[in-house]
Structure formats: C-alpha cells, structure tokens
Amino acid sequence: KDVQREREPHVCLSKEEVKEKIQSYNSSVTDKLKMTLNANGIYTGFIKVQMELCRPITVQSSQSQGRCAHSNNETAFYLPDGCVNTLHISSTNTVREVIEALLKKFFVADNPAKFALYKRCHKEDQVYTCKLSDRERPLYLRLVAGPRTEMLSFVLREHETGEVMWEAFSIPELQNFLRILDKEENDQLQILKNRYAAYRGKLEEALRGVLKPG
C-alpha cells in the first residue's frame, strides 16, 4: 500500500539519548552492521536499500551483466529484481545525498532527480510505503526504528508515473517542451475560434429566416 503521509517530525535527541539508542541498536544487530557515535555527536552506520527500478539505468561502463543496449561509452542496464545495496552513511546525510551515493556506486549517469527514496514499514498488520522528502535523514530513521528491516526498510524507485521532475531535463529539452505547448495552445485556440464562428453563422442564418418579410 503506497501512501503519502504527513512527514514524521525529526526529534532533536540529546547526545546522551543518541548514545543510549545506539547502544540499544547495536545490542540488537545480528549482521555486524553496527552504528558508531563520534565525539562531535555525529553518528555513522549502515542502511540497506532495495532497488526497485522498472526502467533500465544508464551506466558509464563498457561491461555489464543482464540485458544491455550499448551506446558509445554508456550502457542501458537492467538491474536484477530485488537487488539490495548496503551504504555506510552518517547522521548528517540527507535522502538526496543517499540517492546520489547509490547512483555513484553503480556508475549511473542518469540524473538523481529522476529517482526517489521510499521507506517501507509495518503498522497495524499492513505494509506502508511512503516517499521520503529530500531533506529527511535515513540513518536517523534507521536508528529510531531499530535494525529490523521488516519494521523499516528503504527502497529506491523511479518517480511515480505522471510525476514530472522538470529539473531532471536539460535547457534545450525544456525549450522544446515550451515550443510544443505554444503550438498546441495555438491549435486549440484556432479550433475554438472555428467552432464559435460556425455557431455564429448558424445563429445569423436562423435570425435571417425568422426576420424575413412575408
């Protein structure tokens, strides 16, 4: 179930509260991917991101596995279904930075703005998937939820169908879109003018018939 929910507030934890949560988190870890608290209050740790990409990604590589379509030095590459990647990040890293790090790790040439990071969590016997804003911090969400991925996991997807991220396009592409819109607007305007001109002609013809002497 995909939902757009209100953003959960980022509670400012004290250094002691963070320390306690990290100790609790590390005591529950079963895969050795523990968190570390630094002297400056910033903590580091690992998150796992499942790649759920329907379209191929463009990688800057001459060798890749799976179904490929080569073009110069770039390759259109389909990631295997359910591919999971582990990232080592800090508590200061935002969602946008995590997406950029993932793409860099795979040598992806596509614009990061074409992708979104989602959180998947269990609540009241249902699974909810919610898109994260660019400013949210995944490691904080991981710390608060604990290490169990069935309680919280991260998913990378393309933006939803119909959701256009204009910043992902180049200036020539955007200028071309404007020219297309101008042409469509003029075409529709001409259709409306012709339609109303036809109505006007029929009304005038009817009036002439009614007002005709005799």
N, C-alpha and C. Protein backbone atom coordinates (compact mmCIF):
# COMPACT_ATOMS: atom_id res chain seq x y z
N LYS A 1 0.85 -1.19 0.00
CA LYS A 1 0.00 0.00 0.00
C LYS A 1 0.88 1.23 0.00
N ASP A 2 0.82 2.00 -1.10
CA ASP A 2 1.62 3.22 -1.20
C ASP A 2 0.79 4.38 -0.68
N VAL A 3 1.37 5.17 0.19
CA VAL A 3 0.64 6.29 0.78
C VAL A 3 1.54 7.51 0.85
N GLN A 4 0.92 8.68 0.78
CA GLN A 4 1.61 9.93 1.03
C GLN A 4 1.15 10.41 2.40
N ARG A 5 1.99 10.23 3.40
CA ARG A 5 1.61 10.57 4.76
C ARG A 5 2.34 11.82 5.21
N GLU A 6 1.82 12.43 6.28
CA GLU A 6 2.50 13.58 6.86
C GLU A 6 3.89 13.17 7.31
N ARG A 7 4.85 14.04 7.09
CA ARG A 7 6.23 13.73 7.45
C ARG A 7 6.37 13.62 8.96
N GLU A 8 7.02 12.56 9.39
CA GLU A 8 7.24 12.39 10.81
C GLU A 8 8.26 13.43 11.28
N PRO A 9 7.98 14.11 12.38
CA PRO A 9 8.91 15.14 12.85
C PRO A 9 10.24 14.54 13.27
N HIS A 10 11.30 15.24 12.93
CA HIS A 10 12.64 14.81 13.32
C HIS A 10 12.90 15.35 14.73
N VAL A 11 12.83 14.47 15.70
CA VAL A 11 13.01 14.88 17.09
C VAL A 11 14.50 15.09 17.36
N CYS A 12 14.82 16.23 17.93
CA CYS A 12 16.22 16.52 18.26
C CYS A 12 16.59 15.76 19.54
N LEU A 13 17.43 14.78 19.39
CA LEU A 13 17.85 13.98 20.53
C LEU A 13 19.13 14.56 21.13
N SER A 14 19.23 14.48 22.43
CA SER A 14 20.46 14.90 23.09
C SER A 14 21.55 13.87 22.82
N LYS A 15 22.79 14.24 23.10
CA LYS A 15 23.90 13.31 22.88
C LYS A 15 23.74 12.05 23.72
N GLU A 16 23.23 12.21 24.94
CA GLU A 16 23.03 11.05 25.80
C GLU A 16 21.93 10.14 25.26
N GLU A 17 20.85 10.77 24.75
CA GLU A 17 19.76 9.97 24.17
C GLU A 17 20.24 9.21 22.94
N VAL A 18 21.04 9.87 22.11
CA VAL A 18 21.59 9.21 20.93
C VAL A 18 22.48 8.05 21.35
N LYS A 19 23.30 8.29 22.38
CA LYS A 19 24.21 7.24 22.86
C LYS A 19 23.43 6.02 23.35
N GLU A 20 22.34 6.27 24.09
CA GLU A 20 21.52 5.17 24.60
C GLU A 20 20.85 4.40 23.45
N LYS A 21 20.33 5.13 22.47
CA LYS A 21 19.67 4.48 21.35
C LYS A 21 20.66 3.65 20.52
N ILE A 22 21.88 4.17 20.36
CA ILE A 22 22.89 3.44 19.60
C ILE A 22 23.29 2.16 20.34
N GLN A 23 23.43 2.27 21.67
CA GLN A 23 23.77 1.07 22.45
C GLN A 23 22.66 0.02 22.33
N SER A 24 21.41 0.47 22.39
CA SER A 24 20.28 -0.44 22.25
C SER A 24 20.24 -1.04 20.84
N TYR A 25 20.52 -0.18 19.86
CA TYR A 25 20.52 -0.62 18.45
C TYR A 25 21.60 -1.70 18.24
N ASN A 26 22.82 -1.42 18.70
CA ASN A 26 23.94 -2.35 18.50
C ASN A 26 23.73 -3.67 19.23
N SER A 27 23.02 -3.63 20.33
CA SER A 27 22.77 -4.87 21.07
C SER A 27 21.78 -5.78 20.33
N SER A 28 21.03 -5.20 19.40
CA SER A 28 20.03 -5.97 18.65
C SER A 28 20.51 -6.36 17.26
N VAL A 29 21.67 -5.84 16.84
CA VAL A 29 22.17 -6.10 15.49
C VAL A 29 22.61 -7.56 15.37
N THR A 30 22.25 -8.18 14.25
CA THR A 30 22.64 -9.59 14.02
C THR A 30 23.58 -9.75 12.83
N ASP A 31 23.79 -8.67 12.07
CA ASP A 31 24.63 -8.76 10.86
C ASP A 31 25.93 -7.97 10.99
N LYS A 32 26.29 -7.57 12.19
CA LYS A 32 27.54 -6.85 12.48
C LYS A 32 27.58 -5.43 11.91
N LEU A 33 26.46 -4.96 11.34
CA LEU A 33 26.41 -3.60 10.80
C LEU A 33 25.97 -2.64 11.90
N LYS A 34 26.91 -2.32 12.78
CA LYS A 34 26.60 -1.51 13.94
C LYS A 34 26.80 -0.02 13.66
N MET A 35 26.29 0.80 14.57
CA MET A 35 26.46 2.25 14.48
C MET A 35 27.57 2.70 15.43
N THR A 36 28.18 3.83 15.06
CA THR A 36 29.28 4.38 15.86
C THR A 36 29.02 5.85 16.15
N LEU A 37 29.12 6.23 17.40
CA LEU A 37 28.94 7.62 17.81
C LEU A 37 30.30 8.30 17.91
N ASN A 38 30.46 9.39 17.19
CA ASN A 38 31.71 10.15 17.23
C ASN A 38 31.68 11.21 18.33
N ALA A 39 32.83 11.75 18.63
CA ALA A 39 32.95 12.73 19.72
C ALA A 39 32.15 14.01 19.44
N ASN A 40 31.98 14.33 18.16
CA ASN A 40 31.26 15.56 17.81
C ASN A 40 29.74 15.38 17.79
N GLY A 41 29.25 14.20 18.17
CA GLY A 41 27.81 13.95 18.23
C GLY A 41 27.23 13.35 16.96
N ILE A 42 28.02 13.34 15.89
CA ILE A 42 27.58 12.73 14.63
C ILE A 42 27.81 11.22 14.71
N TYR A 43 26.83 10.46 14.29
CA TYR A 43 27.00 9.01 14.32
C TYR A 43 26.95 8.46 12.90
N THR A 44 27.59 7.32 12.71
CA THR A 44 27.66 6.68 11.40
C THR A 44 27.12 5.26 11.51
N GLY A 45 26.69 4.72 10.38
CA GLY A 45 26.14 3.38 10.38
C GLY A 45 25.80 2.94 8.97
N PHE A 46 25.07 1.86 8.86
CA PHE A 46 24.76 1.27 7.56
C PHE A 46 23.25 1.23 7.33
N ILE A 47 22.88 1.43 6.08
CA ILE A 47 21.49 1.21 5.67
C ILE A 47 21.51 0.31 4.43
N LYS A 48 20.48 -0.50 4.30
CA LYS A 48 20.33 -1.32 3.11
C LYS A 48 19.19 -0.74 2.27
N VAL A 49 19.43 -0.63 0.96
CA VAL A 49 18.44 -0.06 0.05
C VAL A 49 18.12 -1.08 -1.03
N GLN A 50 16.85 -1.41 -1.14
CA GLN A 50 16.41 -2.32 -2.20
C GLN A 50 16.12 -1.53 -3.47
N MET A 51 16.64 -2.01 -4.60
CA MET A 51 16.47 -1.32 -5.87
C MET A 51 15.24 -1.90 -6.58
N GLU A 52 14.21 -1.08 -6.74
CA GLU A 52 13.00 -1.50 -7.44
C GLU A 52 12.82 -0.60 -8.65
N LEU A 53 13.66 -0.80 -9.66
CA LEU A 53 13.66 0.05 -10.84
C LEU A 53 13.03 -0.70 -12.01
N CYS A 54 11.99 -0.11 -12.59
CA CYS A 54 11.29 -0.73 -13.72
C CYS A 54 12.01 -0.46 -15.03
N ARG A 55 12.67 0.68 -15.12
CA ARG A 55 13.33 1.06 -16.37
C ARG A 55 14.84 0.83 -16.25
N PRO A 56 15.53 0.69 -17.39
CA PRO A 56 16.98 0.50 -17.33
C PRO A 56 17.68 1.76 -16.86
N ILE A 57 18.82 1.58 -16.21
CA ILE A 57 19.65 2.72 -15.82
C ILE A 57 20.80 2.85 -16.81
N THR A 58 21.29 4.05 -17.00
CA THR A 58 22.39 4.31 -17.92
C THR A 58 23.69 4.34 -17.11
N VAL A 59 24.57 3.37 -17.38
CA VAL A 59 25.82 3.30 -16.64
C VAL A 59 26.99 3.65 -17.56
N GLN A 60 28.00 4.26 -16.97
CA GLN A 60 29.20 4.64 -17.71
C GLN A 60 30.21 3.50 -17.63
N SER A 61 29.93 2.47 -18.39
CA SER A 61 30.78 1.29 -18.36
C SER A 61 30.64 0.54 -19.67
N SER A 62 31.71 -0.13 -20.08
CA SER A 62 31.68 -0.91 -21.31
C SER A 62 31.31 -2.36 -21.06
N GLN A 63 31.30 -2.76 -19.76
CA GLN A 63 30.97 -4.13 -19.42
C GLN A 63 29.88 -4.14 -18.36
N SER A 64 28.84 -4.89 -18.59
CA SER A 64 27.76 -5.04 -17.63
C SER A 64 27.03 -6.34 -17.89
N GLN A 65 26.28 -6.77 -16.89
CA GLN A 65 25.59 -8.05 -16.99
C GLN A 65 24.11 -7.80 -17.15
N GLY A 66 23.42 -8.78 -17.71
CA GLY A 66 21.99 -8.67 -17.91
C GLY A 66 21.69 -8.22 -19.32
N ARG A 67 20.46 -7.75 -19.56
CA ARG A 67 20.06 -7.27 -20.88
C ARG A 67 20.63 -5.88 -21.11
N CYS A 68 21.34 -5.67 -22.21
CA CYS A 68 22.04 -4.42 -22.42
C CYS A 68 21.73 -3.86 -23.80
N ALA A 69 21.90 -2.55 -23.92
CA ALA A 69 21.81 -1.87 -25.21
C ALA A 69 22.90 -0.83 -25.23
N HIS A 70 23.95 -1.06 -26.01
CA HIS A 70 25.14 -0.22 -25.96
C HIS A 70 24.96 1.06 -26.78
N SER A 71 25.53 2.15 -26.28
CA SER A 71 25.52 3.43 -26.97
C SER A 71 26.75 4.20 -26.55
N ASN A 72 27.75 4.26 -27.47
CA ASN A 72 29.01 4.94 -27.19
C ASN A 72 29.65 4.34 -25.94
N ASN A 73 29.96 5.20 -24.95
CA ASN A 73 30.60 4.71 -23.73
C ASN A 73 29.58 4.42 -22.62
N GLU A 74 28.30 4.51 -22.93
CA GLU A 74 27.27 4.28 -21.93
C GLU A 74 26.48 3.03 -22.27
N THR A 75 25.91 2.42 -21.25
CA THR A 75 25.16 1.18 -21.42
C THR A 75 23.84 1.27 -20.68
N ALA A 76 22.75 0.88 -21.36
CA ALA A 76 21.44 0.79 -20.71
C ALA A 76 21.37 -0.57 -20.04
N PHE A 77 21.30 -0.57 -18.72
CA PHE A 77 21.47 -1.80 -17.95
C PHE A 77 20.27 -2.01 -17.03
N TYR A 78 19.67 -3.21 -17.08
CA TYR A 78 18.57 -3.56 -16.19
C TYR A 78 19.13 -4.19 -14.92
N LEU A 79 18.86 -3.55 -13.77
CA LEU A 79 19.29 -4.14 -12.51
C LEU A 79 18.45 -5.36 -12.19
N PRO A 80 19.05 -6.38 -11.60
CA PRO A 80 18.26 -7.57 -11.21
C PRO A 80 17.16 -7.20 -10.22
N ASP A 81 16.03 -7.88 -10.33
CA ASP A 81 14.93 -7.63 -9.40
C ASP A 81 15.36 -7.95 -7.97
N GLY A 82 15.00 -7.04 -7.05
CA GLY A 82 15.30 -7.27 -5.64
C GLY A 82 16.74 -7.02 -5.25
N CYS A 83 17.51 -6.37 -6.11
CA CYS A 83 18.91 -6.08 -5.80
C CYS A 83 18.98 -5.16 -4.57
N VAL A 84 19.81 -5.54 -3.60
CA VAL A 84 19.94 -4.77 -2.36
C VAL A 84 21.37 -4.26 -2.24
N ASN A 85 21.51 -2.98 -1.92
CA ASN A 85 22.83 -2.38 -1.77
C ASN A 85 22.98 -1.84 -0.36
N THR A 86 24.16 -2.01 0.22
CA THR A 86 24.44 -1.52 1.56
C THR A 86 25.33 -0.28 1.49
N LEU A 87 24.91 0.77 2.17
CA LEU A 87 25.67 2.02 2.19
C LEU A 87 26.09 2.36 3.61
N HIS A 88 27.31 2.88 3.74
CA HIS A 88 27.78 3.39 5.02
C HIS A 88 27.63 4.91 4.98
N ILE A 89 26.77 5.44 5.84
CA ILE A 89 26.46 6.87 5.82
C ILE A 89 26.54 7.44 7.24
N SER A 90 26.36 8.76 7.34
CA SER A 90 26.37 9.41 8.64
C SER A 90 24.99 10.00 8.92
N SER A 91 24.81 10.45 10.16
CA SER A 91 23.52 11.01 10.57
C SER A 91 23.24 12.35 9.89
N THR A 92 24.24 12.94 9.24
CA THR A 92 24.03 14.22 8.56
C THR A 92 23.62 14.04 7.10
N ASN A 93 23.75 12.84 6.56
CA ASN A 93 23.43 12.60 5.15
C ASN A 93 21.92 12.64 4.92
N THR A 94 21.52 13.38 3.89
CA THR A 94 20.11 13.50 3.55
C THR A 94 19.71 12.44 2.52
N VAL A 95 18.42 12.35 2.27
CA VAL A 95 17.90 11.42 1.27
C VAL A 95 18.53 11.69 -0.09
N ARG A 96 18.62 12.96 -0.46
CA ARG A 96 19.20 13.30 -1.76
C ARG A 96 20.64 12.83 -1.86
N GLU A 97 21.41 12.98 -0.78
CA GLU A 97 22.80 12.53 -0.79
C GLU A 97 22.90 11.01 -0.86
N VAL A 98 21.96 10.32 -0.22
CA VAL A 98 21.95 8.85 -0.28
C VAL A 98 21.67 8.39 -1.70
N ILE A 99 20.71 9.02 -2.38
CA ILE A 99 20.40 8.66 -3.77
C ILE A 99 21.63 8.89 -4.65
N GLU A 100 22.28 10.03 -4.47
CA GLU A 100 23.47 10.33 -5.28
C GLU A 100 24.58 9.32 -5.01
N ALA A 101 24.75 8.90 -3.75
CA ALA A 101 25.78 7.91 -3.41
C ALA A 101 25.47 6.56 -4.04
N LEU A 102 24.20 6.17 -4.05
CA LEU A 102 23.80 4.91 -4.67
C LEU A 102 24.10 4.91 -6.17
N LEU A 103 23.73 6.00 -6.83
CA LEU A 103 23.94 6.08 -8.27
C LEU A 103 25.44 6.10 -8.59
N LYS A 104 26.21 6.79 -7.75
CA LYS A 104 27.66 6.84 -7.96
C LYS A 104 28.28 5.46 -7.79
N LYS A 105 27.77 4.70 -6.84
CA LYS A 105 28.29 3.36 -6.58
C LYS A 105 28.06 2.44 -7.77
N PHE A 106 26.96 2.65 -8.49
CA PHE A 106 26.65 1.85 -9.66
C PHE A 106 27.13 2.51 -10.95
N PHE A 107 27.83 3.65 -10.86
CA PHE A 107 28.30 4.39 -12.03
C PHE A 107 27.13 4.81 -12.93
N VAL A 108 26.02 5.20 -12.31
CA VAL A 108 24.82 5.58 -13.06
C VAL A 108 24.96 7.01 -13.56
N ALA A 109 24.69 7.20 -14.86
CA ALA A 109 24.81 8.53 -15.46
C ALA A 109 23.51 9.30 -15.42
N ASP A 110 22.40 8.64 -15.07
CA ASP A 110 21.09 9.31 -15.04
C ASP A 110 21.06 10.39 -13.96
N ASN A 111 20.23 11.40 -14.20
CA ASN A 111 20.07 12.49 -13.25
C ASN A 111 19.44 11.97 -11.95
N PRO A 112 20.04 12.26 -10.78
CA PRO A 112 19.46 11.79 -9.50
C PRO A 112 18.03 12.27 -9.27
N ALA A 113 17.65 13.38 -9.91
CA ALA A 113 16.30 13.91 -9.71
C ALA A 113 15.22 13.00 -10.29
N LYS A 114 15.63 12.01 -11.09
CA LYS A 114 14.67 11.08 -11.67
C LYS A 114 14.30 9.96 -10.71
N PHE A 115 14.96 9.92 -9.52
CA PHE A 115 14.75 8.83 -8.58
C PHE A 115 14.24 9.36 -7.24
N ALA A 116 13.62 8.47 -6.49
CA ALA A 116 13.11 8.82 -5.17
C ALA A 116 13.38 7.68 -4.20
N LEU A 117 13.59 8.04 -2.93
CA LEU A 117 13.81 7.04 -1.89
C LEU A 117 12.54 6.91 -1.06
N TYR A 118 12.12 5.67 -0.85
CA TYR A 118 10.92 5.38 -0.09
C TYR A 118 11.28 4.62 1.18
N LYS A 119 10.43 4.77 2.19
CA LYS A 119 10.54 3.93 3.38
C LYS A 119 9.35 2.98 3.39
N ARG A 120 9.63 1.74 3.74
CA ARG A 120 8.58 0.72 3.82
C ARG A 120 8.52 0.23 5.26
N CYS A 121 7.36 0.33 5.87
CA CYS A 121 7.24 -0.04 7.28
C CYS A 121 5.95 -0.79 7.53
N HIS A 122 5.94 -1.53 8.65
CA HIS A 122 4.77 -2.30 9.06
C HIS A 122 4.04 -1.53 10.16
N LYS A 123 2.73 -1.46 10.01
CA LYS A 123 1.92 -0.83 11.05
C LYS A 123 0.52 -1.42 10.98
N GLU A 124 0.06 -1.90 12.12
CA GLU A 124 -1.29 -2.47 12.23
C GLU A 124 -1.51 -3.55 11.18
N ASP A 125 -0.54 -4.48 11.08
CA ASP A 125 -0.63 -5.63 10.17
C ASP A 125 -0.70 -5.25 8.71
N GLN A 126 -0.30 -4.03 8.37
CA GLN A 126 -0.25 -3.61 6.97
C GLN A 126 1.14 -3.07 6.66
N VAL A 127 1.48 -3.12 5.38
CA VAL A 127 2.77 -2.60 4.93
C VAL A 127 2.52 -1.27 4.22
N TYR A 128 3.19 -0.24 4.67
CA TYR A 128 3.05 1.09 4.09
C TYR A 128 4.34 1.49 3.40
N THR A 129 4.21 2.09 2.23
CA THR A 129 5.36 2.62 1.51
C THR A 129 5.15 4.11 1.31
N CYS A 130 6.09 4.90 1.79
CA CYS A 130 5.95 6.35 1.77
C CYS A 130 7.21 6.99 1.21
N LYS A 131 7.04 7.90 0.28
CA LYS A 131 8.18 8.59 -0.30
C LYS A 131 8.77 9.58 0.70
N LEU A 132 10.09 9.56 0.83
CA LEU A 132 10.78 10.46 1.74
C LEU A 132 11.13 11.76 1.04
N SER A 133 11.06 12.85 1.79
CA SER A 133 11.47 14.13 1.23
C SER A 133 12.99 14.19 1.14
N ASP A 134 13.51 15.05 0.28
CA ASP A 134 14.95 15.14 0.05
C ASP A 134 15.72 15.51 1.31
N ARG A 135 15.07 16.17 2.26
CA ARG A 135 15.78 16.67 3.44
C ARG A 135 15.79 15.69 4.61
N GLU A 136 15.02 14.62 4.51
CA GLU A 136 15.00 13.66 5.61
C GLU A 136 16.31 12.88 5.69
N ARG A 137 16.61 12.36 6.88
CA ARG A 137 17.90 11.71 7.12
C ARG A 137 17.67 10.21 7.41
N PRO A 138 18.03 9.37 6.45
CA PRO A 138 17.74 7.94 6.58
C PRO A 138 18.35 7.26 7.80
N LEU A 139 19.57 7.65 8.20
CA LEU A 139 20.19 6.96 9.33
C LEU A 139 19.45 7.24 10.63
N TYR A 140 18.90 8.44 10.76
CA TYR A 140 18.07 8.76 11.93
C TYR A 140 16.84 7.85 11.96
N LEU A 141 16.19 7.68 10.81
CA LEU A 141 15.02 6.80 10.72
C LEU A 141 15.39 5.36 11.07
N ARG A 142 16.59 4.94 10.60
CA ARG A 142 17.07 3.59 10.90
C ARG A 142 17.30 3.42 12.40
N LEU A 143 17.91 4.42 13.04
CA LEU A 143 18.21 4.36 14.46
C LEU A 143 16.93 4.28 15.28
N VAL A 144 15.96 5.12 14.95
CA VAL A 144 14.71 5.16 15.71
C VAL A 144 13.92 3.87 15.55
N ALA A 145 13.91 3.31 14.32
CA ALA A 145 13.15 2.09 14.05
C ALA A 145 13.83 0.84 14.55
N GLY A 146 15.16 0.90 14.73
CA GLY A 146 15.91 -0.28 15.11
C GLY A 146 16.43 -1.01 13.88
N PRO A 147 17.21 -2.07 14.08
CA PRO A 147 17.88 -2.73 12.96
C PRO A 147 17.01 -3.69 12.15
N ARG A 148 15.82 -4.01 12.61
CA ARG A 148 15.00 -5.00 11.92
C ARG A 148 14.41 -4.42 10.63
N THR A 149 14.79 -4.99 9.50
CA THR A 149 14.33 -4.46 8.20
C THR A 149 12.86 -4.75 7.95
N GLU A 150 12.29 -5.73 8.66
CA GLU A 150 10.85 -5.95 8.48
C GLU A 150 10.02 -4.85 9.13
N MET A 151 10.65 -4.09 10.04
CA MET A 151 9.97 -2.94 10.65
C MET A 151 10.16 -1.68 9.83
N LEU A 152 11.33 -1.54 9.22
CA LEU A 152 11.62 -0.39 8.35
C LEU A 152 12.67 -0.79 7.34
N SER A 153 12.39 -0.52 6.08
CA SER A 153 13.37 -0.76 5.02
C SER A 153 13.30 0.40 4.04
N PHE A 154 14.35 0.52 3.23
CA PHE A 154 14.43 1.60 2.25
C PHE A 154 14.39 1.03 0.84
N VAL A 155 13.71 1.76 -0.05
CA VAL A 155 13.53 1.31 -1.43
C VAL A 155 13.82 2.47 -2.37
N LEU A 156 14.61 2.20 -3.40
CA LEU A 156 14.86 3.20 -4.44
C LEU A 156 13.99 2.89 -5.64
N ARG A 157 13.25 3.89 -6.11
CA ARG A 157 12.38 3.74 -7.27
C ARG A 157 12.52 4.94 -8.19
N GLU A 158 12.00 4.79 -9.41
CA GLU A 158 11.81 5.95 -10.25
C GLU A 158 10.63 6.74 -9.67
N HIS A 159 10.57 8.02 -10.02
CA HIS A 159 9.42 8.79 -9.58
C HIS A 159 8.16 8.21 -10.18
N GLU A 160 7.06 8.36 -9.47
CA GLU A 160 5.80 7.77 -9.89
C GLU A 160 5.39 8.28 -11.27
N THR A 161 4.67 7.40 -12.00
CA THR A 161 4.19 7.76 -13.33
C THR A 161 3.30 9.00 -13.23
N GLY A 162 3.56 9.96 -14.09
CA GLY A 162 2.78 11.20 -14.09
C GLY A 162 3.41 12.30 -13.27
N GLU A 163 4.37 11.97 -12.45
CA GLU A 163 5.06 12.97 -11.64
C GLU A 163 6.31 13.41 -12.39
N VAL A 164 6.27 14.60 -12.96
CA VAL A 164 7.36 15.06 -13.81
C VAL A 164 8.32 15.92 -12.99
N MET A 165 9.58 15.52 -12.99
CA MET A 165 10.61 16.30 -12.31
C MET A 165 11.32 17.14 -13.37
N TRP A 166 10.86 18.38 -13.55
CA TRP A 166 11.36 19.21 -14.63
C TRP A 166 12.84 19.51 -14.51
N GLU A 167 13.36 19.52 -13.28
CA GLU A 167 14.78 19.83 -13.10
C GLU A 167 15.68 18.73 -13.65
N ALA A 168 15.07 17.58 -13.96
CA ALA A 168 15.86 16.48 -14.50
C ALA A 168 16.14 16.63 -15.99
N PHE A 169 15.50 17.63 -16.64
CA PHE A 169 15.66 17.81 -18.08
C PHE A 169 16.64 18.94 -18.37
N SER A 170 17.26 18.87 -19.54
CA SER A 170 18.20 19.90 -19.95
C SER A 170 17.44 21.12 -20.47
N ILE A 171 18.16 22.27 -20.59
CA ILE A 171 17.53 23.50 -21.07
C ILE A 171 16.99 23.34 -22.49
N PRO A 172 17.73 22.74 -23.44
CA PRO A 172 17.16 22.54 -24.78
C PRO A 172 15.88 21.70 -24.76
N GLU A 173 15.83 20.67 -23.90
CA GLU A 173 14.62 19.85 -23.80
C GLU A 173 13.46 20.68 -23.28
N LEU A 174 13.70 21.50 -22.26
CA LEU A 174 12.63 22.34 -21.70
C LEU A 174 12.15 23.37 -22.72
N GLN A 175 13.09 23.96 -23.48
CA GLN A 175 12.71 24.92 -24.52
C GLN A 175 11.87 24.26 -25.60
N ASN A 176 12.20 23.01 -25.93
CA ASN A 176 11.42 22.28 -26.92
C ASN A 176 10.01 22.01 -26.41
N PHE A 177 9.89 21.68 -25.10
CA PHE A 177 8.57 21.47 -24.50
C PHE A 177 7.73 22.74 -24.60
N LEU A 178 8.36 23.89 -24.37
CA LEU A 178 7.63 25.16 -24.46
C LEU A 178 7.13 25.41 -25.87
N ARG A 179 7.96 25.09 -26.88
CA ARG A 179 7.53 25.27 -28.27
C ARG A 179 6.35 24.36 -28.60
N ILE A 180 6.40 23.14 -28.08
CA ILE A 180 5.29 22.21 -28.31
C ILE A 180 4.02 22.73 -27.64
N LEU A 181 4.15 23.24 -26.41
CA LEU A 181 2.98 23.78 -25.70
C LEU A 181 2.40 24.98 -26.43
N ASP A 182 3.26 25.86 -26.95
CA ASP A 182 2.80 27.03 -27.70
C ASP A 182 2.01 26.60 -28.94
N LYS A 183 2.53 25.59 -29.64
CA LYS A 183 1.85 25.11 -30.84
C LYS A 183 0.50 24.48 -30.50
N GLU A 184 0.48 23.67 -29.43
CA GLU A 184 -0.78 23.05 -29.02
C GLU A 184 -1.79 24.10 -28.58
N GLU A 185 -1.32 25.14 -27.88
CA GLU A 185 -2.21 26.21 -27.45
C GLU A 185 -2.81 26.94 -28.65
N ASN A 186 -1.97 27.25 -29.65
CA ASN A 186 -2.47 27.95 -30.84
C ASN A 186 -3.45 27.08 -31.63
N ASP A 187 -3.14 25.78 -31.70
CA ASP A 187 -4.05 24.86 -32.42
C ASP A 187 -5.41 24.78 -31.73
N GLN A 188 -5.39 24.65 -30.40
CA GLN A 188 -6.66 24.58 -29.67
C GLN A 188 -7.43 25.89 -29.77
N LEU A 189 -6.71 27.01 -29.75
CA LEU A 189 -7.36 28.32 -29.87
C LEU A 189 -8.03 28.46 -31.23
N GLN A 190 -7.36 27.99 -32.28
CA GLN A 190 -7.94 28.07 -33.61
C GLN A 190 -9.17 27.18 -33.74
N ILE A 191 -9.13 25.99 -33.09
CA ILE A 191 -10.30 25.10 -33.10
C ILE A 191 -11.49 25.77 -32.44
N LEU A 192 -11.26 26.44 -31.30
CA LEU A 192 -12.33 27.13 -30.60
C LEU A 192 -12.89 28.28 -31.44
N LYS A 193 -12.01 29.03 -32.10
CA LYS A 193 -12.47 30.14 -32.94
C LYS A 193 -13.34 29.62 -34.09
N ASN A 194 -12.92 28.54 -34.72
CA ASN A 194 -13.69 27.97 -35.83
C ASN A 194 -15.05 27.46 -35.34
N ARG A 195 -15.06 26.84 -34.15
CA ARG A 195 -16.31 26.31 -33.61
C ARG A 195 -17.31 27.43 -33.35
N TYR A 196 -16.83 28.50 -32.70
CA TYR A 196 -17.73 29.61 -32.39
C TYR A 196 -18.12 30.38 -33.65
N ALA A 197 -17.26 30.42 -34.63
CA ALA A 197 -17.61 31.06 -35.90
C ALA A 197 -18.73 30.28 -36.59
N ALA A 198 -18.68 28.95 -36.50
CA ALA A 198 -19.74 28.12 -37.09
C ALA A 198 -21.06 28.34 -36.35
N TYR A 199 -21.01 28.42 -35.00
CA TYR A 199 -22.23 28.69 -34.23
C TYR A 199 -22.82 30.05 -34.62
N ARG A 200 -21.93 31.04 -34.71
CA ARG A 200 -22.38 32.39 -35.05
C ARG A 200 -23.06 32.38 -36.43
N GLY A 201 -22.46 31.66 -37.39
CA GLY A 201 -23.04 31.59 -38.72
C GLY A 201 -24.43 30.98 -38.71
N LYS A 202 -24.61 29.89 -37.94
CA LYS A 202 -25.91 29.24 -37.87
C LYS A 202 -26.95 30.13 -37.20
N LEU A 203 -26.54 30.86 -36.14
CA LEU A 203 -27.47 31.78 -35.47
C LEU A 203 -27.90 32.91 -36.39
N GLU A 204 -26.94 33.46 -37.11
CA GLU A 204 -27.25 34.55 -38.04
C GLU A 204 -28.18 34.07 -39.15
N GLU A 205 -27.93 32.84 -39.63
CA GLU A 205 -28.79 32.27 -40.66
C GLU A 205 -30.21 32.06 -40.14
N ALA A 206 -30.34 31.59 -38.87
CA ALA A 206 -31.65 31.38 -38.28
C ALA A 206 -32.38 32.72 -38.09
N LEU A 207 -31.63 33.74 -37.66
CA LEU A 207 -32.24 35.06 -37.47
C LEU A 207 -32.74 35.62 -38.79
N ARG A 208 -31.98 35.43 -39.85
CA ARG A 208 -32.42 35.93 -41.16
C ARG A 208 -33.71 35.23 -41.60
N GLY A 209 -33.84 33.93 -41.27
CA GLY A 209 -35.05 33.22 -41.63
C GLY A 209 -36.28 33.69 -40.85
N VAL A 210 -36.04 34.02 -39.54
CA VAL A 210 -37.15 34.47 -38.70
C VAL A 210 -37.58 35.89 -39.09
N LEU A 211 -36.63 36.75 -39.41
CA LEU A 211 -36.93 38.16 -39.70
C LEU A 211 -37.28 38.39 -41.16
N LYS A 212 -37.26 37.35 -42.00
CA LYS A 212 -37.53 37.53 -43.44
C LYS A 212 -38.99 37.93 -43.63
N PRO A 213 -39.29 39.02 -44.36
CA PRO A 213 -40.67 39.50 -44.56
C PRO A 213 -41.53 38.45 -45.27
N GLY A 214 -42.84 38.47 -44.98
CA GLY A 214 -43.78 37.59 -45.65
C GLY A 214 -43.84 36.26 -45.01
